[in-house]
Each structure stands twice: as structure tokens, then as C-alpha cells.
Amino acid sequence: MKNFNITIIIGLITVLIALIVVSCGRSAKTNENSSNLAKDTILQTDYNLLDTITELFNKALISDTIEFGDFMSKDLDILSFLFFKSGNIISKTEKNAIVVTCPKEESYKLKLYSVQNEKWELTDSINLDDVHIVFFDMIFDDYNFDGQKDIYVQTSSSNGYSISHGHLIIINPKTKKFELCKEVREFGNMKIDPKTKTIKSEEVHLNDYGERYVTIFTHKWENGKFKTISKKNAAITY
């Protein structure tokens, strides 16, 4: 009876050790995957940033959502810019992660990842030029009303009656690939009108008396592009 008990104990210890080994192996693979993603994401030798992105990828696997922004390093090096956000940010059924870095001055590199077999996999990437880091903002919304959230990246914003400009990235609902919507680059203060399924934008002008007024444009998504269907002038109110 005593030998039987010893056999059971030895068996339990063996199973426990095996589970620990498997768990450690899986953790090591996860950390290795995240580390490789971090190196590929920033494309530069900044080890502090490497560690940060690796940690964010690891935490994002087990967290509902994570958002991190590092907009200014201690030496004001623009290459240290980093924005990271994960969760159901563009889809209700899939976990994604967005990573934005500044590989060179006035240029963003944006990468989209999705979880496949408990690992982060790159879905698509895009470079955005003519940007100003101090105005960075990101909005996830359905701009072309196809049921898939898209990405708007603000690049600048004026003083006074503030006019915001940025890049609109349309996401294909089937492939999740990026498509830069170039015609909206000049649209100011883009806003979605869900009732009419249109986009509003604004421009500021001067009349003959030197007074400023705003022109409000209405755009509709047709054949893969935004078509301007109406405009009206309005007084500027602060």
C-alpha cells in the first residue's frame, strides 16, 4: 500500500513538472514572438523602446484593452515616439493592436496586428507623410459606412477657429488591408453624420469685408471615393 502511494505521488510530480515545462515553453515562444515584433516595428536600435513594445504586446494578449503613448523622450528625440493601442478597436469579434512610430522626421509608420493562434501577426502597414507629432490623435470609426471601423490620424490643427487635418485610412472589411483615402487630405474638421450616412468638413474663408466665415461641405461615399454633394456658408462662432 505504501509503495502504491509513493507511485501515485511520483506520477503527480511528473505530471506537474511536465505542465510547468509546457507552460514555460509557451511563455518563451510568446516572449520571442513579441520581441521579434518589437524589433520589426521600430526599425532602429532603441533598446528602451524595444523593451516597452515587447512588454505591451505580451500584456495585450491577456488584457481586454491597452493604450500607451510616449510622445516625448528625455532628449526630445522624435524617433522615440510611440503610440500603442490594443483590443476590439476595429472589430467586435477580433482583437487587434495598432502601433504607430516615427521612423523619420514628419513621418508616421502605422502597423496593424491581429491575434492568430495566440500570437500577434502583422496584418498590414502604411507610411504617412507630412505629419506634426504635437497634433497626433487617432480616431477609430466607420467613415464609409460599410460596417468596418476605419482609422483617422490627425496630423495638424490650426489656431483660432481650429481646423483639423489628417489622413483617413479605409480598412477593407474582408481582408483588413489598408487603403489611404487621399481625397480627404484637404478636408478640415471631418465629422460623421450617421443619420444621412455622409461626412461633413469645413473650410474658413474671408469675405469682401475681411470677415471670416466657414463653408460646410457634405460628402457621400460613392464608388470607393467621397463625392461632395452640397455646401453652405455659416458665421463663425467661438
C-alpha atoms as a PDB file:
ATOM      1  CA  MET A   1       0.000   0.000   0.000  1.00  0.00           C
ATOM      2  CA  LYS A   2       2.880   2.315   0.871  1.00  0.00           C
ATOM      3  CA  ASN A   3       4.586   1.583  -2.480  1.00  0.00           C
ATOM      4  CA  PHE A   4       1.287   2.318  -4.270  1.00  0.00           C
ATOM      5  CA  ASN A   5       1.060   5.740  -2.576  1.00  0.00           C
ATOM      6  CA  ILE A   6       4.649   6.533  -3.495  1.00  0.00           C
ATOM      7  CA  THR A   7       3.918   5.612  -7.115  1.00  0.00           C
ATOM      8  CA  ILE A   8       0.938   7.980  -7.175  1.00  0.00           C
ATOM      9  CA  ILE A   9       2.994  10.813  -5.687  1.00  0.00           C
ATOM     10  CA  ILE A  10       5.805  10.281  -8.200  1.00  0.00           C
ATOM     11  CA  GLY A  11       3.243  10.254 -11.011  1.00  0.00           C
ATOM     12  CA  LEU A  12       1.676  13.510  -9.829  1.00  0.00           C
ATOM     13  CA  ILE A  13       5.083  15.175  -9.547  1.00  0.00           C
ATOM     14  CA  THR A  14       5.944  14.032 -13.088  1.00  0.00           C
ATOM     15  CA  VAL A  15       2.702  15.482 -14.475  1.00  0.00           C
ATOM     16  CA  LEU A  16       3.286  18.747 -12.602  1.00  0.00           C
ATOM     17  CA  ILE A  17       6.814  19.081 -13.979  1.00  0.00           C
ATOM     18  CA  ALA A  18       5.538  18.401 -17.497  1.00  0.00           C
ATOM     19  CA  LEU A  19       2.882  21.109 -17.182  1.00  0.00           C
ATOM     20  CA  ILE A  20       5.474  23.599 -15.937  1.00  0.00           C
ATOM     21  CA  VAL A  21       7.788  22.798 -18.855  1.00  0.00           C
ATOM     22  CA  VAL A  22       4.980  23.211 -21.397  1.00  0.00           C
ATOM     23  CA  SER A  23       3.877  26.483 -19.790  1.00  0.00           C
ATOM     24  CA  CYS A  24       7.410  27.857 -19.756  1.00  0.00           C
ATOM     25  CA  GLY A  25       7.909  26.814 -23.360  1.00  0.00           C
ATOM     26  CA  ARG A  26       4.710  28.553 -24.430  1.00  0.00           C
ATOM     27  CA  SER A  27       5.690  31.685 -22.485  1.00  0.00           C
ATOM     28  CA  ALA A  28       9.142  31.688 -24.069  1.00  0.00           C
ATOM     29  CA  LYS A  29       7.617  31.412 -27.555  1.00  0.00           C
ATOM     30  CA  THR A  30       5.225  34.278 -26.761  1.00  0.00           C
ATOM     31  CA  ASN A  31       8.049  36.487 -25.498  1.00  0.00           C
ATOM     32  CA  GLU A  32      10.198  35.606 -28.520  1.00  0.00           C
ATOM     33  CA  ASN A  33       7.335  36.429 -30.890  1.00  0.00           C
ATOM     34  CA  SER A  34       6.678  39.753 -29.145  1.00  0.00           C
ATOM     35  CA  SER A  35      10.366  40.636 -29.112  1.00  0.00           C
ATOM     36  CA  ASN A  36      10.655  39.991 -32.851  1.00  0.00           C
ATOM     37  CA  LEU A  37       7.554  42.100 -33.485  1.00  0.00           C
ATOM     38  CA  ALA A  38       9.079  44.930 -31.462  1.00  0.00           C
ATOM     39  CA  LYS A  39      12.319  44.838 -33.468  1.00  0.00           C
ATOM     40  CA  ASP A  40      10.398  44.802 -36.739  1.00  0.00           C
ATOM     41  CA  THR A  41       8.100  47.613 -35.590  1.00  0.00           C
ATOM     42  CA  ILE A  42      10.575  50.351 -34.689  1.00  0.00           C
ATOM     43  CA  LEU A  43      13.328  49.540 -37.226  1.00  0.00           C
ATOM     44  CA  GLN A  44      16.019  51.151 -35.101  1.00  0.00           C
ATOM     45  CA  THR A  45      18.343  50.334 -32.203  1.00  0.00           C
ATOM     46  CA  ASP A  46      16.463  51.842 -29.289  1.00  0.00           C
ATOM     47  CA  TYR A  47      16.545  49.155 -26.611  1.00  0.00           C
ATOM     48  CA  ASN A  48      14.288  51.000 -24.176  1.00  0.00           C
ATOM     49  CA  LEU A  49      11.630  51.231 -26.864  1.00  0.00           C
ATOM     50  CA  LEU A  50      12.201  47.580 -27.787  1.00  0.00           C
ATOM     51  CA  ASP A  51      11.536  46.521 -24.212  1.00  0.00           C
ATOM     52  CA  THR A  52       8.453  48.740 -23.994  1.00  0.00           C
ATOM     53  CA  ILE A  53       6.848  47.378 -27.182  1.00  0.00           C
ATOM     54  CA  THR A  54       7.673  43.782 -26.218  1.00  0.00           C
ATOM     55  CA  GLU A  55       6.008  44.273 -22.831  1.00  0.00           C
ATOM     56  CA  LEU A  56       2.958  45.914 -24.450  1.00  0.00           C
ATOM     57  CA  PHE A  57       2.497  43.039 -26.917  1.00  0.00           C
ATOM     58  CA  ASN A  58       2.739  40.485 -24.083  1.00  0.00           C
ATOM     59  CA  LYS A  59       0.238  42.325 -21.869  1.00  0.00           C
ATOM     60  CA  ALA A  60      -2.140  42.877 -24.796  1.00  0.00           C
ATOM     61  CA  LEU A  61      -2.560  39.117 -25.250  1.00  0.00           C
ATOM     62  CA  ILE A  62      -4.128  38.757 -21.799  1.00  0.00           C
ATOM     63  CA  SER A  63      -5.782  42.184 -21.405  1.00  0.00           C
ATOM     64  CA  ASP A  64      -9.074  43.422 -22.855  1.00  0.00           C
ATOM     65  CA  THR A  65      -7.533  46.703 -23.964  1.00  0.00           C
ATOM     66  CA  ILE A  66      -4.284  48.633 -23.580  1.00  0.00           C
ATOM     67  CA  GLU A  67      -3.421  52.171 -24.642  1.00  0.00           C
ATOM     68  CA  PHE A  68       0.045  53.680 -24.353  1.00  0.00           C
ATOM     69  CA  GLY A  69       1.508  56.915 -25.691  1.00  0.00           C
ATOM     70  CA  ASP A  70       5.078  58.152 -25.379  1.00  0.00           C
ATOM     71  CA  PHE A  71       5.145  61.454 -27.232  1.00  0.00           C
ATOM     72  CA  MET A  72       8.364  62.978 -25.907  1.00  0.00           C
ATOM     73  CA  SER A  73      11.612  61.321 -24.864  1.00  0.00           C
ATOM     74  CA  LYS A  74      14.007  62.894 -22.382  1.00  0.00           C
ATOM     75  CA  ASP A  75      16.333  64.061 -25.179  1.00  0.00           C
ATOM     76  CA  LEU A  76      13.435  65.250 -27.411  1.00  0.00           C
ATOM     77  CA  ASP A  77      14.345  62.599 -29.984  1.00  0.00           C
ATOM     78  CA  ILE A  78      11.391  62.274 -32.345  1.00  0.00           C
ATOM     79  CA  LEU A  79      12.424  58.688 -33.168  1.00  0.00           C
ATOM     80  CA  SER A  80      11.266  57.656 -29.688  1.00  0.00           C
ATOM     81  CA  PHE A  81       7.641  58.488 -30.494  1.00  0.00           C
ATOM     82  CA  LEU A  82       5.328  55.555 -29.828  1.00  0.00           C
ATOM     83  CA  PHE A  83       1.585  55.015 -29.748  1.00  0.00           C
ATOM     84  CA  PHE A  84       0.140  51.583 -28.951  1.00  0.00           C
ATOM     85  CA  LYS A  85      -3.491  50.549 -28.620  1.00  0.00           C
ATOM     86  CA  SER A  86      -4.985  47.053 -28.468  1.00  0.00           C
ATOM     87  CA  GLY A  87      -8.368  45.404 -28.013  1.00  0.00           C
ATOM     88  CA  ASN A  88     -11.540  45.314 -30.122  1.00  0.00           C
ATOM     89  CA  ILE A  89     -10.583  48.630 -31.676  1.00  0.00           C
ATOM     90  CA  ILE A  90     -11.650  47.961 -35.283  1.00  0.00           C
ATOM     91  CA  SER A  91     -13.710  44.785 -34.852  1.00  0.00           C
ATOM     92  CA  LYS A  92     -16.104  43.402 -32.245  1.00  0.00           C
ATOM     93  CA  THR A  93     -15.043  39.821 -32.968  1.00  0.00           C
ATOM     94  CA  GLU A  94     -11.260  40.129 -33.278  1.00  0.00           C
ATOM     95  CA  LYS A  95      -8.528  41.520 -31.061  1.00  0.00           C
ATOM     96  CA  ASN A  96      -6.156  43.878 -32.838  1.00  0.00           C
ATOM     97  CA  ALA A  97      -3.216  46.074 -31.978  1.00  0.00           C
ATOM     98  CA  ILE A  98      -2.166  49.345 -33.602  1.00  0.00           C
ATOM     99  CA  VAL A  99       1.440  50.528 -33.358  1.00  0.00           C
ATOM    100  CA  VAL A 100       2.483  53.997 -34.549  1.00  0.00           C
ATOM    101  CA  THR A 101       6.132  55.082 -34.615  1.00  0.00           C
ATOM    102  CA  CYS A 102       8.152  57.882 -36.212  1.00  0.00           C
ATOM    103  CA  PRO A 103      10.937  56.231 -38.254  1.00  0.00           C
ATOM    104  CA  LYS A 104      11.924  59.639 -39.662  1.00  0.00           C
ATOM    105  CA  GLU A 105      11.031  63.282 -39.134  1.00  0.00           C
ATOM    106  CA  GLU A 106       7.453  64.250 -40.102  1.00  0.00           C
ATOM    107  CA  SER A 107       6.573  60.674 -40.990  1.00  0.00           C
ATOM    108  CA  TYR A 108       4.475  58.043 -39.196  1.00  0.00           C
ATOM    109  CA  LYS A 109       4.673  54.309 -39.688  1.00  0.00           C
ATOM    110  CA  LEU A 110       1.418  52.612 -38.711  1.00  0.00           C
ATOM    111  CA  LYS A 111       1.106  48.842 -38.303  1.00  0.00           C
ATOM    112  CA  LEU A 112      -1.981  46.726 -37.653  1.00  0.00           C
ATOM    113  CA  TYR A 113      -1.714  43.354 -35.896  1.00  0.00           C
ATOM    114  CA  SER A 114      -4.244  40.625 -35.140  1.00  0.00           C
ATOM    115  CA  VAL A 115      -4.140  37.621 -32.813  1.00  0.00           C
ATOM    116  CA  GLN A 116      -3.740  34.328 -34.678  1.00  0.00           C
ATOM    117  CA  ASN A 117      -3.205  31.083 -32.727  1.00  0.00           C
ATOM    118  CA  GLU A 118      -2.355  33.017 -29.548  1.00  0.00           C
ATOM    119  CA  LYS A 119       0.293  35.055 -31.367  1.00  0.00           C
ATOM    120  CA  TRP A 120       0.392  38.555 -32.798  1.00  0.00           C
ATOM    121  CA  GLU A 121       0.580  38.556 -36.591  1.00  0.00           C
ATOM    122  CA  LEU A 122       1.115  41.577 -38.832  1.00  0.00           C
ATOM    123  CA  THR A 123      -1.988  42.344 -40.920  1.00  0.00           C
ATOM    124  CA  ASP A 124      -0.877  45.456 -42.816  1.00  0.00           C
ATOM    125  CA  SER A 125       1.235  48.607 -42.556  1.00  0.00           C
ATOM    126  CA  ILE A 126       1.328  52.078 -44.077  1.00  0.00           C
ATOM    127  CA  ASN A 127       3.583  55.153 -44.094  1.00  0.00           C
ATOM    128  CA  LEU A 128       2.029  58.591 -43.565  1.00  0.00           C
ATOM    129  CA  ASP A 129       3.968  61.736 -44.506  1.00  0.00           C
ATOM    130  CA  ASP A 130       3.590  65.450 -43.738  1.00  0.00           C
ATOM    131  CA  VAL A 131       2.720  64.974 -40.074  1.00  0.00           C
ATOM    132  CA  HIS A 132       3.318  67.040 -36.939  1.00  0.00           C
ATOM    133  CA  ILE A 133       3.849  64.982 -33.826  1.00  0.00           C
ATOM    134  CA  VAL A 134       2.406  67.542 -31.387  1.00  0.00           C
ATOM    135  CA  PHE A 135      -1.016  67.259 -33.063  1.00  0.00           C
ATOM    136  CA  PHE A 136      -1.164  63.459 -33.068  1.00  0.00           C
ATOM    137  CA  ASP A 137      -4.583  61.968 -32.418  1.00  0.00           C
ATOM    138  CA  MET A 138      -6.263  58.794 -33.645  1.00  0.00           C
ATOM    139  CA  ILE A 139      -9.965  58.062 -34.158  1.00  0.00           C
ATOM    140  CA  PHE A 140     -11.488  54.651 -34.917  1.00  0.00           C
ATOM    141  CA  ASP A 141     -14.852  54.941 -36.683  1.00  0.00           C
ATOM    142  CA  ASP A 142     -16.763  53.791 -39.765  1.00  0.00           C
ATOM    143  CA  TYR A 143     -16.223  56.648 -42.218  1.00  0.00           C
ATOM    144  CA  ASN A 144     -17.592  54.935 -45.344  1.00  0.00           C
ATOM    145  CA  PHE A 145     -20.488  53.159 -43.594  1.00  0.00           C
ATOM    146  CA  ASP A 146     -19.617  49.600 -44.612  1.00  0.00           C
ATOM    147  CA  GLY A 147     -19.774  48.188 -41.073  1.00  0.00           C
ATOM    148  CA  GLN A 148     -15.972  48.188 -40.645  1.00  0.00           C
ATOM    149  CA  LYS A 149     -14.217  50.740 -38.452  1.00  0.00           C
ATOM    150  CA  ASP A 150     -11.578  52.823 -40.222  1.00  0.00           C
ATOM    151  CA  ILE A 151      -8.702  54.920 -38.851  1.00  0.00           C
ATOM    152  CA  TYR A 152      -8.329  58.701 -38.890  1.00  0.00           C
ATOM    153  CA  VAL A 153      -4.908  60.072 -37.893  1.00  0.00           C
ATOM    154  CA  GLN A 154      -4.811  63.796 -37.149  1.00  0.00           C
ATOM    155  CA  THR A 155      -1.670  65.499 -38.441  1.00  0.00           C
ATOM    156  CA  SER A 156      -2.297  69.212 -37.815  1.00  0.00           C
ATOM    157  CA  SER A 157      -4.708  71.682 -36.219  1.00  0.00           C
ATOM    158  CA  SER A 158      -4.834  75.458 -36.721  1.00  0.00           C
ATOM    159  CA  ASN A 159      -5.264  78.209 -34.124  1.00  0.00           C
ATOM    160  CA  GLY A 160      -8.288  80.483 -33.692  1.00  0.00           C
ATOM    161  CA  TYR A 161     -11.266  78.711 -35.216  1.00  0.00           C
ATOM    162  CA  SER A 162      -9.458  75.377 -35.149  1.00  0.00           C
ATOM    163  CA  ILE A 163      -9.358  73.393 -38.377  1.00  0.00           C
ATOM    164  CA  SER A 164      -8.042  69.841 -38.049  1.00  0.00           C
ATOM    165  CA  HIS A 165      -6.497  67.906 -40.943  1.00  0.00           C
ATOM    166  CA  GLY A 166      -5.295  64.347 -41.155  1.00  0.00           C
ATOM    167  CA  HIS A 167      -5.054  61.048 -43.012  1.00  0.00           C
ATOM    168  CA  LEU A 168      -8.026  58.693 -43.394  1.00  0.00           C
ATOM    169  CA  ILE A 169      -7.188  55.007 -43.715  1.00  0.00           C
ATOM    170  CA  ILE A 170     -10.066  52.899 -45.019  1.00  0.00           C
ATOM    171  CA  ILE A 171      -9.936  49.269 -43.841  1.00  0.00           C
ATOM    172  CA  ASN A 172     -11.264  46.544 -46.127  1.00  0.00           C
ATOM    173  CA  PRO A 173     -13.875  44.623 -44.072  1.00  0.00           C
ATOM    174  CA  LYS A 174     -12.878  41.260 -45.606  1.00  0.00           C
ATOM    175  CA  THR A 175      -9.082  41.431 -45.856  1.00  0.00           C
ATOM    176  CA  LYS A 176      -8.444  44.069 -43.130  1.00  0.00           C
ATOM    177  CA  LYS A 177      -5.967  45.705 -45.517  1.00  0.00           C
ATOM    178  CA  PHE A 178      -5.294  49.461 -45.563  1.00  0.00           C
ATOM    179  CA  GLU A 179      -6.265  51.904 -48.288  1.00  0.00           C
ATOM    180  CA  LEU A 180      -5.294  55.569 -47.950  1.00  0.00           C
ATOM    181  CA  CYS A 181      -8.227  57.838 -48.810  1.00  0.00           C
ATOM    182  CA  LYS A 182      -6.250  60.618 -50.500  1.00  0.00           C
ATOM    183  CA  GLU A 183      -9.129  62.927 -51.427  1.00  0.00           C
ATOM    184  CA  VAL A 184      -9.903  63.720 -47.774  1.00  0.00           C
ATOM    185  CA  ARG A 185      -6.398  65.071 -47.097  1.00  0.00           C
ATOM    186  CA  GLU A 186      -7.712  68.594 -47.585  1.00  0.00           C
ATOM    187  CA  PHE A 187     -10.951  68.021 -45.643  1.00  0.00           C
ATOM    188  CA  GLY A 188     -10.969  70.064 -42.442  1.00  0.00           C
ATOM    189  CA  ASN A 189     -12.738  69.023 -39.234  1.00  0.00           C
ATOM    190  CA  MET A 190     -14.101  65.772 -40.671  1.00  0.00           C
ATOM    191  CA  LYS A 191     -17.202  64.570 -38.837  1.00  0.00           C
ATOM    192  CA  ILE A 192     -19.533  61.640 -39.428  1.00  0.00           C
ATOM    193  CA  ASP A 193     -23.255  62.255 -39.860  1.00  0.00           C
ATOM    194  CA  PRO A 194     -24.735  58.799 -39.116  1.00  0.00           C
ATOM    195  CA  LYS A 195     -28.328  59.862 -39.902  1.00  0.00           C
ATOM    196  CA  THR A 196     -27.574  60.771 -43.517  1.00  0.00           C
ATOM    197  CA  LYS A 197     -24.518  58.499 -43.851  1.00  0.00           C
ATOM    198  CA  THR A 198     -22.419  61.415 -45.011  1.00  0.00           C
ATOM    199  CA  ILE A 199     -19.218  63.177 -43.956  1.00  0.00           C
ATOM    200  CA  LYS A 200     -19.091  66.868 -43.060  1.00  0.00           C
ATOM    201  CA  SER A 201     -15.986  69.017 -43.486  1.00  0.00           C
ATOM    202  CA  GLU A 202     -15.180  72.714 -43.017  1.00  0.00           C
ATOM    203  CA  GLU A 203     -13.082  75.458 -44.588  1.00  0.00           C
ATOM    204  CA  VAL A 204     -12.526  79.006 -43.327  1.00  0.00           C
ATOM    205  CA  HIS A 205     -12.676  81.933 -45.799  1.00  0.00           C
ATOM    206  CA  LEU A 206     -12.625  85.739 -45.807  1.00  0.00           C
ATOM    207  CA  ASN A 207     -15.459  87.811 -47.297  1.00  0.00           C
ATOM    208  CA  ASP A 208     -15.051  91.150 -49.090  1.00  0.00           C
ATOM    209  CA  TYR A 209     -15.001  92.966 -45.740  1.00  0.00           C
ATOM    210  CA  GLY A 210     -12.179  90.866 -44.301  1.00  0.00           C
ATOM    211  CA  GLU A 211     -14.557  88.942 -42.065  1.00  0.00           C
ATOM    212  CA  ARG A 212     -14.075  85.225 -41.673  1.00  0.00           C
ATOM    213  CA  TYR A 213     -16.803  82.686 -42.319  1.00  0.00           C
ATOM    214  CA  VAL A 214     -16.901  78.903 -42.543  1.00  0.00           C
ATOM    215  CA  THR A 215     -18.029  76.805 -45.506  1.00  0.00           C
ATOM    216  CA  ILE A 216     -19.524  73.445 -44.537  1.00  0.00           C
ATOM    217  CA  PHE A 217     -19.253  70.688 -47.140  1.00  0.00           C
ATOM    218  CA  THR A 218     -21.255  67.453 -47.245  1.00  0.00           C
ATOM    219  CA  HIS A 219     -19.623  64.387 -48.815  1.00  0.00           C
ATOM    220  CA  LYS A 220     -21.088  60.995 -49.706  1.00  0.00           C
ATOM    221  CA  TRP A 221     -19.200  57.747 -50.257  1.00  0.00           C
ATOM    222  CA  GLU A 222     -19.730  56.615 -53.859  1.00  0.00           C
ATOM    223  CA  ASN A 223     -17.743  54.081 -55.920  1.00  0.00           C
ATOM    224  CA  GLY A 224     -14.895  53.926 -53.432  1.00  0.00           C
ATOM    225  CA  LYS A 225     -14.473  57.708 -53.023  1.00  0.00           C
ATOM    226  CA  PHE A 226     -16.049  60.671 -51.240  1.00  0.00           C
ATOM    227  CA  LYS A 227     -18.084  62.868 -53.571  1.00  0.00           C
ATOM    228  CA  THR A 228     -19.039  66.410 -52.494  1.00  0.00           C
ATOM    229  CA  ILE A 229     -22.815  66.735 -52.808  1.00  0.00           C
ATOM    230  CA  SER A 230     -23.507  70.114 -51.164  1.00  0.00           C
ATOM    231  CA  LYS A 231     -22.012  73.099 -49.354  1.00  0.00           C
ATOM    232  CA  LYS A 232     -23.251  76.076 -47.337  1.00  0.00           C
ATOM    233  CA  ASN A 233     -21.747  79.107 -45.630  1.00  0.00           C
ATOM    234  CA  ALA A 234     -22.155  79.939 -41.949  1.00  0.00           C
ATOM    235  CA  ALA A 235     -20.960  82.549 -39.492  1.00  0.00           C
ATOM    236  CA  ILE A 236     -18.052  81.600 -37.263  1.00  0.00           C
ATOM    237  CA  THR A 237     -18.919  81.241 -33.595  1.00  0.00           C
ATOM    238  CA  TYR A 238     -16.388  80.556 -30.851  1.00  0.00           C
END
